[in-house]
Amino acid sequence: MENPQWQRREKDSTVMIDRLLLEKIPLAGIARVLKLSESWLQGYVNQCYRVIPKPKGALSVQMDELWSFVNDKGNKQWV
């Protein structure tokens, strides 16, 4: 086949994708700039997250209250 649709990604390409993901650039933006299909990129991200070790046991989360007072302090609204 002279012009195949499927082509293997070069190592440099995946390194760039990893760097862009660490910068929290949206997947749609990465796909558009690097001329990748969004479905391939989503599959790549899913594959990367599968190899990350999952925490065992319960996770602890710290939260603070946040109130918004609309018109007066008698009208508390949770944010």
N, C-alpha and C. Protein backbone atom coordinates (compact mmCIF):
# COMPACT_ATOMS: atom_id res chain seq x y z
N MET A 1 0.84 -1.17 0.00
CA MET A 1 0.00 0.00 0.00
C MET A 1 0.89 1.24 0.00
N GLU A 2 0.61 2.13 -0.90
CA GLU A 2 1.47 3.29 -1.06
C GLU A 2 1.20 4.39 -0.03
N ASN A 3 -0.05 4.59 0.33
CA ASN A 3 -0.42 5.67 1.22
C ASN A 3 -1.33 5.14 2.35
N PRO A 4 -0.79 4.38 3.31
CA PRO A 4 -1.64 3.76 4.33
C PRO A 4 -2.27 4.80 5.26
N GLN A 5 -3.48 4.51 5.74
CA GLN A 5 -4.16 5.38 6.69
C GLN A 5 -3.52 5.27 8.07
N TRP A 6 -3.12 4.06 8.44
CA TRP A 6 -2.55 3.80 9.75
C TRP A 6 -1.04 3.93 9.69
N GLN A 7 -0.47 4.72 10.60
CA GLN A 7 0.99 4.86 10.67
C GLN A 7 1.41 4.79 12.13
N ARG A 8 2.51 4.15 12.38
CA ARG A 8 3.03 4.04 13.74
C ARG A 8 3.52 5.41 14.21
N ARG A 9 3.24 5.74 15.48
CA ARG A 9 3.69 7.02 16.05
C ARG A 9 5.16 6.93 16.41
N GLU A 10 5.89 7.96 16.12
CA GLU A 10 7.31 8.01 16.48
C GLU A 10 7.44 8.28 17.97
N LYS A 11 8.55 7.86 18.57
CA LYS A 11 8.80 8.07 19.99
C LYS A 11 8.76 9.55 20.34
N ASP A 12 9.31 10.41 19.49
CA ASP A 12 9.29 11.86 19.72
C ASP A 12 7.86 12.38 19.83
N SER A 13 6.97 11.81 19.03
CA SER A 13 5.58 12.24 19.03
C SER A 13 4.91 11.93 20.37
N THR A 14 5.13 10.73 20.90
CA THR A 14 4.52 10.38 22.18
C THR A 14 5.14 11.15 23.33
N VAL A 15 6.42 11.49 23.23
CA VAL A 15 7.06 12.32 24.26
C VAL A 15 6.42 13.70 24.26
N MET A 16 6.16 14.25 23.08
CA MET A 16 5.50 15.56 22.99
C MET A 16 4.09 15.50 23.55
N ILE A 17 3.36 14.43 23.24
CA ILE A 17 2.01 14.27 23.77
C ILE A 17 2.05 14.22 25.30
N ASP A 18 2.98 13.46 25.85
CA ASP A 18 3.11 13.38 27.31
C ASP A 18 3.39 14.75 27.93
N ARG A 19 4.25 15.52 27.29
CA ARG A 19 4.57 16.86 27.81
C ARG A 19 3.36 17.79 27.75
N LEU A 20 2.60 17.71 26.66
CA LEU A 20 1.41 18.55 26.53
C LEU A 20 0.34 18.14 27.54
N LEU A 21 0.21 16.85 27.81
CA LEU A 21 -0.75 16.39 28.81
C LEU A 21 -0.37 16.90 30.20
N LEU A 22 0.92 16.92 30.50
CA LEU A 22 1.37 17.43 31.80
C LEU A 22 1.08 18.92 31.94
N GLU A 23 1.00 19.64 30.83
CA GLU A 23 0.67 21.06 30.86
C GLU A 23 -0.84 21.30 30.93
N LYS A 24 -1.60 20.20 30.99
CA LYS A 24 -3.07 20.24 31.11
C LYS A 24 -3.74 20.91 29.91
N ILE A 25 -3.17 20.71 28.75
CA ILE A 25 -3.77 21.20 27.51
C ILE A 25 -4.89 20.22 27.13
N PRO A 26 -6.05 20.72 26.76
CA PRO A 26 -7.18 19.83 26.43
C PRO A 26 -6.83 18.85 25.31
N LEU A 27 -7.44 17.66 25.38
CA LEU A 27 -7.18 16.64 24.38
C LEU A 27 -7.54 17.13 22.97
N ALA A 28 -8.63 17.87 22.85
CA ALA A 28 -9.04 18.36 21.53
C ALA A 28 -7.96 19.29 20.95
N GLY A 29 -7.34 20.11 21.80
CA GLY A 29 -6.28 21.01 21.34
C GLY A 29 -5.04 20.25 20.92
N ILE A 30 -4.67 19.24 21.70
CA ILE A 30 -3.49 18.43 21.36
C ILE A 30 -3.73 17.71 20.03
N ALA A 31 -4.92 17.12 19.88
CA ALA A 31 -5.24 16.39 18.65
C ALA A 31 -5.21 17.32 17.45
N ARG A 32 -5.73 18.52 17.61
CA ARG A 32 -5.79 19.47 16.50
C ARG A 32 -4.39 19.92 16.08
N VAL A 33 -3.55 20.28 17.06
CA VAL A 33 -2.22 20.80 16.75
C VAL A 33 -1.29 19.73 16.19
N LEU A 34 -1.36 18.52 16.78
CA LEU A 34 -0.47 17.44 16.33
C LEU A 34 -1.07 16.62 15.20
N LYS A 35 -2.27 17.01 14.74
CA LYS A 35 -2.95 16.32 13.64
C LYS A 35 -3.15 14.83 13.94
N LEU A 36 -3.74 14.58 15.13
CA LEU A 36 -4.07 13.23 15.56
C LEU A 36 -5.58 13.09 15.63
N SER A 37 -6.07 11.88 15.57
CA SER A 37 -7.51 11.70 15.78
C SER A 37 -7.76 11.74 17.29
N GLU A 38 -8.88 12.33 17.66
CA GLU A 38 -9.22 12.43 19.09
C GLU A 38 -9.42 11.04 19.68
N SER A 39 -9.97 10.11 18.91
CA SER A 39 -10.19 8.76 19.44
C SER A 39 -8.85 8.06 19.70
N TRP A 40 -7.86 8.25 18.82
CA TRP A 40 -6.55 7.65 19.07
C TRP A 40 -5.92 8.26 20.32
N LEU A 41 -6.01 9.57 20.45
CA LEU A 41 -5.42 10.25 21.60
C LEU A 41 -6.10 9.81 22.89
N GLN A 42 -7.43 9.68 22.89
CA GLN A 42 -8.13 9.22 24.09
C GLN A 42 -7.70 7.80 24.45
N GLY A 43 -7.53 6.95 23.45
CA GLY A 43 -7.04 5.59 23.70
C GLY A 43 -5.63 5.59 24.28
N TYR A 44 -4.78 6.47 23.78
CA TYR A 44 -3.41 6.59 24.29
C TYR A 44 -3.42 7.02 25.76
N VAL A 45 -4.26 8.01 26.08
CA VAL A 45 -4.34 8.49 27.46
C VAL A 45 -4.87 7.38 28.38
N ASN A 46 -5.90 6.67 27.93
CA ASN A 46 -6.45 5.57 28.73
C ASN A 46 -5.38 4.51 28.99
N GLN A 47 -4.60 4.20 27.97
CA GLN A 47 -3.52 3.21 28.10
C GLN A 47 -2.48 3.68 29.12
N CYS A 48 -2.15 4.96 29.09
CA CYS A 48 -1.17 5.51 30.05
C CYS A 48 -1.68 5.39 31.48
N TYR A 49 -2.97 5.67 31.69
CA TYR A 49 -3.53 5.64 33.04
C TYR A 49 -3.70 4.21 33.56
N ARG A 50 -3.84 3.23 32.67
CA ARG A 50 -3.98 1.84 33.11
C ARG A 50 -2.73 1.34 33.83
N VAL A 51 -1.56 1.85 33.46
CA VAL A 51 -0.32 1.35 34.06
C VAL A 51 0.05 2.07 35.35
N ILE A 52 -0.69 3.12 35.71
CA ILE A 52 -0.42 3.84 36.96
C ILE A 52 -0.93 3.00 38.12
N PRO A 53 -0.11 2.76 39.15
CA PRO A 53 -0.58 1.96 40.28
C PRO A 53 -1.72 2.67 41.00
N LYS A 54 -2.76 1.92 41.31
CA LYS A 54 -3.93 2.46 41.99
C LYS A 54 -3.69 2.42 43.51
N PRO A 55 -4.14 3.45 44.24
CA PRO A 55 -3.97 3.44 45.70
C PRO A 55 -4.84 2.36 46.33
N LYS A 56 -4.30 1.74 47.37
CA LYS A 56 -5.05 0.72 48.10
C LYS A 56 -5.54 1.33 49.40
N GLY A 57 -6.74 1.01 49.78
CA GLY A 57 -7.30 1.54 51.01
C GLY A 57 -8.06 2.83 50.75
N ALA A 58 -8.47 3.44 51.83
CA ALA A 58 -9.26 4.66 51.74
C ALA A 58 -8.38 5.87 51.45
N LEU A 59 -8.94 6.82 50.74
CA LEU A 59 -8.26 8.08 50.49
C LEU A 59 -8.83 9.13 51.44
N SER A 60 -7.99 10.04 51.88
CA SER A 60 -8.49 11.13 52.73
C SER A 60 -8.52 12.42 51.92
N VAL A 61 -9.56 13.20 52.15
CA VAL A 61 -9.76 14.44 51.42
C VAL A 61 -10.02 15.54 52.43
N GLN A 62 -9.40 16.69 52.22
CA GLN A 62 -9.64 17.85 53.09
C GLN A 62 -10.54 18.82 52.34
N MET A 63 -11.62 19.26 53.02
CA MET A 63 -12.55 20.19 52.39
C MET A 63 -12.83 21.34 53.34
N ASP A 64 -13.11 22.48 52.78
CA ASP A 64 -13.48 23.66 53.55
C ASP A 64 -14.88 24.09 53.13
N GLU A 65 -15.57 24.77 54.04
CA GLU A 65 -16.88 25.31 53.69
C GLU A 65 -16.71 26.58 52.88
N LEU A 66 -17.66 26.81 51.99
CA LEU A 66 -17.66 28.05 51.24
C LEU A 66 -19.11 28.49 51.11
N TRP A 67 -19.39 29.67 51.62
CA TRP A 67 -20.73 30.22 51.58
C TRP A 67 -20.76 31.44 50.68
N SER A 68 -21.91 31.69 50.13
CA SER A 68 -22.14 32.93 49.39
C SER A 68 -23.40 33.56 49.96
N PHE A 69 -23.33 34.82 50.30
CA PHE A 69 -24.49 35.52 50.83
C PHE A 69 -25.10 36.36 49.72
N VAL A 70 -26.32 36.00 49.35
CA VAL A 70 -27.02 36.70 48.27
C VAL A 70 -27.97 37.72 48.89
N ASN A 71 -27.73 38.96 48.64
CA ASN A 71 -28.50 40.10 49.13
C ASN A 71 -28.30 40.36 50.63
N ASP A 72 -28.36 39.36 51.49
CA ASP A 72 -28.13 39.57 52.92
C ASP A 72 -27.64 38.27 53.55
N LYS A 73 -27.15 38.36 54.78
CA LYS A 73 -26.58 37.18 55.45
C LYS A 73 -27.65 36.16 55.84
N GLY A 74 -28.90 36.52 55.77
CA GLY A 74 -29.97 35.57 56.06
C GLY A 74 -30.25 34.64 54.89
N ASN A 75 -29.67 34.92 53.74
CA ASN A 75 -29.90 34.13 52.53
C ASN A 75 -28.61 33.39 52.16
N LYS A 76 -28.22 32.38 52.96
CA LYS A 76 -26.98 31.64 52.72
C LYS A 76 -27.17 30.68 51.55
N GLN A 77 -26.19 30.60 50.70
CA GLN A 77 -26.19 29.69 49.58
C GLN A 77 -24.89 28.90 49.57
N TRP A 78 -24.98 27.56 49.51
CA TRP A 78 -23.78 26.73 49.38
C TRP A 78 -23.20 26.90 47.98
N VAL A 79 -21.91 26.95 47.90
CA VAL A 79 -21.24 27.05 46.61
C VAL A 79 -20.66 25.69 46.28
